[in-house]
Amino acid sequence: MREACFTTMEKALFEFMFSTGCRIGEIVYLDKNCIDWSNRSAIVGKG
């Protein structure tokens, strides 16, 4: 699957989905304010 990613954005999105288990619908509604860059975490869903 990783080899099927052509752009950096595709690779990053694939790695995010693979490592977190998030579904596409959850990622679509993910707001940048829900990401805690210092703790490397994100609140998804009802969090």
PDB file of N, CA and C in Angstrom:
ATOM      1  N   MET A   1       0.825  -1.196   0.000  1.00  0.00           N
ATOM      2  CA  MET A   1       0.000   0.000   0.000  1.00  0.00           C
ATOM      3  C   MET A   1       0.869   1.259   0.000  1.00  0.00           C
ATOM      4  N   ARG A   2       1.957   1.235   0.759  1.00  0.00           N
ATOM      5  CA  ARG A   2       2.810   2.431   0.812  1.00  0.00           C
ATOM      6  C   ARG A   2       3.372   2.770  -0.567  1.00  0.00           C
ATOM      7  N   GLU A   3       3.665   1.747  -1.335  1.00  0.00           N
ATOM      8  CA  GLU A   3       4.224   1.983  -2.671  1.00  0.00           C
ATOM      9  C   GLU A   3       3.204   2.611  -3.611  1.00  0.00           C
ATOM     10  N   ALA A   4       1.921   2.496  -3.291  1.00  0.00           N
ATOM     11  CA  ALA A   4       0.873   3.074  -4.128  1.00  0.00           C
ATOM     12  C   ALA A   4       0.717   4.571  -3.892  1.00  0.00           C
ATOM     13  N   CYS A   5       1.326   5.098  -2.836  1.00  0.00           N
ATOM     14  CA  CYS A   5       1.255   6.532  -2.539  1.00  0.00           C
ATOM     15  C   CYS A   5       2.302   7.260  -3.374  1.00  0.00           C
ATOM     16  N   PHE A   6       1.864   8.273  -4.104  1.00  0.00           N
ATOM     17  CA  PHE A   6       2.774   8.998  -4.979  1.00  0.00           C
ATOM     18  C   PHE A   6       3.274  10.294  -4.364  1.00  0.00           C
ATOM     19  N   THR A   7       2.398  11.042  -3.728  1.00  0.00           N
ATOM     20  CA  THR A   7       2.788  12.345  -3.196  1.00  0.00           C
ATOM     21  C   THR A   7       3.096  12.247  -1.704  1.00  0.00           C
ATOM     22  N   THR A   8       3.759  13.270  -1.203  1.00  0.00           N
ATOM     23  CA  THR A   8       4.065  13.335   0.224  1.00  0.00           C
ATOM     24  C   THR A   8       2.791  13.377   1.045  1.00  0.00           C
ATOM     25  N   MET A   9       1.779  14.084   0.558  1.00  0.00           N
ATOM     26  CA  MET A   9       0.512  14.169   1.281  1.00  0.00           C
ATOM     27  C   MET A   9      -0.169  12.802   1.350  1.00  0.00           C
ATOM     28  N   GLU A  10      -0.151  12.065   0.264  1.00  0.00           N
ATOM     29  CA  GLU A  10      -0.738  10.721   0.269  1.00  0.00           C
ATOM     30  C   GLU A  10      -0.019   9.819   1.265  1.00  0.00           C
ATOM     31  N   LYS A  11       1.301   9.904   1.297  1.00  0.00           N
ATOM     32  CA  LYS A  11       2.079   9.093   2.229  1.00  0.00           C
ATOM     33  C   LYS A  11       1.768   9.467   3.672  1.00  0.00           C
ATOM     34  N   ALA A  12       1.689  10.762   3.951  1.00  0.00           N
ATOM     35  CA  ALA A  12       1.391  11.221   5.312  1.00  0.00           C
ATOM     36  C   ALA A  12      -0.005  10.796   5.734  1.00  0.00           C
ATOM     37  N   LEU A  13      -0.971  10.921   4.851  1.00  0.00           N
ATOM     38  CA  LEU A  13      -2.344  10.521   5.163  1.00  0.00           C
ATOM     39  C   LEU A  13      -2.429   9.017   5.401  1.00  0.00           C
ATOM     40  N   PHE A  14      -1.759   8.246   4.577  1.00  0.00           N
ATOM     41  CA  PHE A  14      -1.753   6.797   4.758  1.00  0.00           C
ATOM     42  C   PHE A  14      -1.123   6.419   6.096  1.00  0.00           C
ATOM     43  N   GLU A  15       0.015   7.008   6.415  1.00  0.00           N
ATOM     44  CA  GLU A  15       0.695   6.697   7.673  1.00  0.00           C
ATOM     45  C   GLU A  15      -0.159   7.102   8.871  1.00  0.00           C
ATOM     46  N   PHE A  16      -0.840   8.251   8.771  1.00  0.00           N
ATOM     47  CA  PHE A  16      -1.718   8.692   9.862  1.00  0.00           C
ATOM     48  C   PHE A  16      -2.855   7.702  10.055  1.00  0.00           C
ATOM     49  N   MET A  17      -3.489   7.305   8.970  1.00  0.00           N
ATOM     50  CA  MET A  17      -4.600   6.357   9.062  1.00  0.00           C
ATOM     51  C   MET A  17      -4.124   5.005   9.588  1.00  0.00           C
ATOM     52  N   PHE A  18      -3.001   4.545   9.098  1.00  0.00           N
ATOM     53  CA  PHE A  18      -2.489   3.231   9.483  1.00  0.00           C
ATOM     54  C   PHE A  18      -2.070   3.201  10.951  1.00  0.00           C
ATOM     55  N   SER A  19      -1.395   4.258  11.395  1.00  0.00           N
ATOM     56  CA  SER A  19      -0.865   4.249  12.762  1.00  0.00           C
ATOM     57  C   SER A  19      -1.910   4.575  13.818  1.00  0.00           C
ATOM     58  N   THR A  20      -2.980   5.295  13.445  1.00  0.00           N
ATOM     59  CA  THR A  20      -3.992   5.673  14.438  1.00  0.00           C
ATOM     60  C   THR A  20      -5.236   4.808  14.388  1.00  0.00           C
ATOM     61  N   GLY A  21      -5.505   4.200  13.254  1.00  0.00           N
ATOM     62  CA  GLY A  21      -6.736   3.428  13.114  1.00  0.00           C
ATOM     63  C   GLY A  21      -7.941   4.297  12.813  1.00  0.00           C
ATOM     64  N   CYS A  22      -7.709   5.580  12.506  1.00  0.00           N
ATOM     65  CA  CYS A  22      -8.816   6.487  12.174  1.00  0.00           C
ATOM     66  C   CYS A  22      -9.448   6.085  10.849  1.00  0.00           C
ATOM     67  N   ARG A  23     -10.732   6.308  10.778  1.00  0.00           N
ATOM     68  CA  ARG A  23     -11.448   6.082   9.529  1.00  0.00           C
ATOM     69  C   ARG A  23     -11.426   7.365   8.707  1.00  0.00           C
ATOM     70  N   ILE A  24     -11.689   7.243   7.428  1.00  0.00           N
ATOM     71  CA  ILE A  24     -11.659   8.399   6.533  1.00  0.00           C
ATOM     72  C   ILE A  24     -12.615   9.483   7.013  1.00  0.00           C
ATOM     73  N   GLY A  25     -13.819   9.108   7.412  1.00  0.00           N
ATOM     74  CA  GLY A  25     -14.798  10.080   7.892  1.00  0.00           C
ATOM     75  C   GLY A  25     -14.313  10.847   9.105  1.00  0.00           C
ATOM     76  N   GLU A  26     -13.569  10.188   9.982  1.00  0.00           N
ATOM     77  CA  GLU A  26     -13.031  10.860  11.164  1.00  0.00           C
ATOM     78  C   GLU A  26     -11.939  11.846  10.778  1.00  0.00           C
ATOM     79  N   ILE A  27     -11.146  11.492   9.796  1.00  0.00           N
ATOM     80  CA  ILE A  27     -10.074  12.378   9.353  1.00  0.00           C
ATOM     81  C   ILE A  27     -10.641  13.585   8.621  1.00  0.00           C
ATOM     82  N   VAL A  28     -11.707  13.383   7.856  1.00  0.00           N
ATOM     83  CA  VAL A  28     -12.331  14.485   7.120  1.00  0.00           C
ATOM     84  C   VAL A  28     -12.776  15.584   8.076  1.00  0.00           C
ATOM     85  N   TYR A  29     -13.324  15.199   9.228  1.00  0.00           N
ATOM     86  CA  TYR A  29     -13.829  16.177  10.184  1.00  0.00           C
ATOM     87  C   TYR A  29     -12.793  16.596  11.222  1.00  0.00           C
ATOM     88  N   LEU A  30     -11.555  16.128  11.092  1.00  0.00           N
ATOM     89  CA  LEU A  30     -10.498  16.492  12.023  1.00  0.00           C
ATOM     90  C   LEU A  30     -10.093  17.941  11.786  1.00  0.00           C
ATOM     91  N   ASP A  31     -10.173  18.743  12.827  1.00  0.00           N
ATOM     92  CA  ASP A  31      -9.817  20.158  12.753  1.00  0.00           C
ATOM     93  C   ASP A  31      -8.390  20.331  13.266  1.00  0.00           C
ATOM     94  N   LYS A  32      -7.656  21.271  12.699  1.00  0.00           N
ATOM     95  CA  LYS A  32      -6.267  21.440  13.134  1.00  0.00           C
ATOM     96  C   LYS A  32      -6.171  21.860  14.599  1.00  0.00           C
ATOM     97  N   ASN A  33      -7.248  22.413  15.160  1.00  0.00           N
ATOM     98  CA  ASN A  33      -7.251  22.768  16.577  1.00  0.00           C
ATOM     99  C   ASN A  33      -7.350  21.536  17.473  1.00  0.00           C
ATOM    100  N   CYS A  34      -7.700  20.397  16.908  1.00  0.00           N
ATOM    101  CA  CYS A  34      -7.802  19.144  17.671  1.00  0.00           C
ATOM    102  C   CYS A  34      -6.464  18.422  17.763  1.00  0.00           C
ATOM    103  N   ILE A  35      -5.447  18.964  17.117  1.00  0.00           N
ATOM    104  CA  ILE A  35      -4.132  18.325  17.114  1.00  0.00           C
ATOM    105  C   ILE A  35      -3.241  19.005  18.141  1.00  0.00           C
ATOM    106  N   ASP A  36      -2.668  18.216  19.031  1.00  0.00           N
ATOM    107  CA  ASP A  36      -1.720  18.703  20.033  1.00  0.00           C
ATOM    108  C   ASP A  36      -0.326  18.309  19.558  1.00  0.00           C
ATOM    109  N   TRP A  37       0.346  19.263  18.909  1.00  0.00           N
ATOM    110  CA  TRP A  37       1.639  18.963  18.295  1.00  0.00           C
ATOM    111  C   TRP A  37       2.703  18.651  19.338  1.00  0.00           C
ATOM    112  N   SER A  38       2.637  19.281  20.510  1.00  0.00           N
ATOM    113  CA  SER A  38       3.666  19.048  21.529  1.00  0.00           C
ATOM    114  C   SER A  38       3.582  17.636  22.108  1.00  0.00           C
ATOM    115  N   ASN A  39       2.364  17.102  22.230  1.00  0.00           N
ATOM    116  CA  ASN A  39       2.187  15.742  22.742  1.00  0.00           C
ATOM    117  C   ASN A  39       2.029  14.709  21.634  1.00  0.00           C
ATOM    118  N   ARG A  40       2.044  15.187  20.402  1.00  0.00           N
ATOM    119  CA  ARG A  40       1.887  14.324  19.227  1.00  0.00           C
ATOM    120  C   ARG A  40       0.625  13.480  19.336  1.00  0.00           C
ATOM    121  N   SER A  41      -0.494  14.172  19.597  1.00  0.00           N
ATOM    122  CA  SER A  41      -1.773  13.479  19.746  1.00  0.00           C
ATOM    123  C   SER A  41      -2.873  14.284  19.070  1.00  0.00           C
ATOM    124  N   ALA A  42      -3.986  13.626  18.836  1.00  0.00           N
ATOM    125  CA  ALA A  42      -5.147  14.275  18.230  1.00  0.00           C
ATOM    126  C   ALA A  42      -6.402  13.740  18.896  1.00  0.00           C
ATOM    127  N   ILE A  43      -7.365  14.625  19.074  1.00  0.00           N
ATOM    128  CA  ILE A  43      -8.654  14.222  19.623  1.00  0.00           C
ATOM    129  C   ILE A  43      -9.592  14.000  18.450  1.00  0.00           C
ATOM    130  N   VAL A  44     -10.091  12.775  18.338  1.00  0.00           N
ATOM    131  CA  VAL A  44     -10.950  12.396  17.222  1.00  0.00           C
ATOM    132  C   VAL A  44     -12.300  11.975  17.766  1.00  0.00           C
ATOM    133  N   GLY A  45     -13.354  12.396  17.100  1.00  0.00           N
ATOM    134  CA  GLY A  45     -14.698  12.001  17.521  1.00  0.00           C
ATOM    135  C   GLY A  45     -15.182  12.824  18.691  1.00  0.00           C
ATOM    136  N   LYS A  46     -15.776  12.164  19.663  1.00  0.00           N
ATOM    137  CA  LYS A  46     -16.359  12.866  20.803  1.00  0.00           C
ATOM    138  C   LYS A  46     -15.317  13.290  21.823  1.00  0.00           C
ATOM    139  N   GLY A  47     -14.113  12.731  21.742  1.00  0.00           N
ATOM    140  CA  GLY A  47     -12.965  13.032  22.585  1.00  0.00           C
ATOM    141  C   GLY A  47     -13.258  13.801  23.776  1.00  0.00           C
TER     142      GLY A  47
END
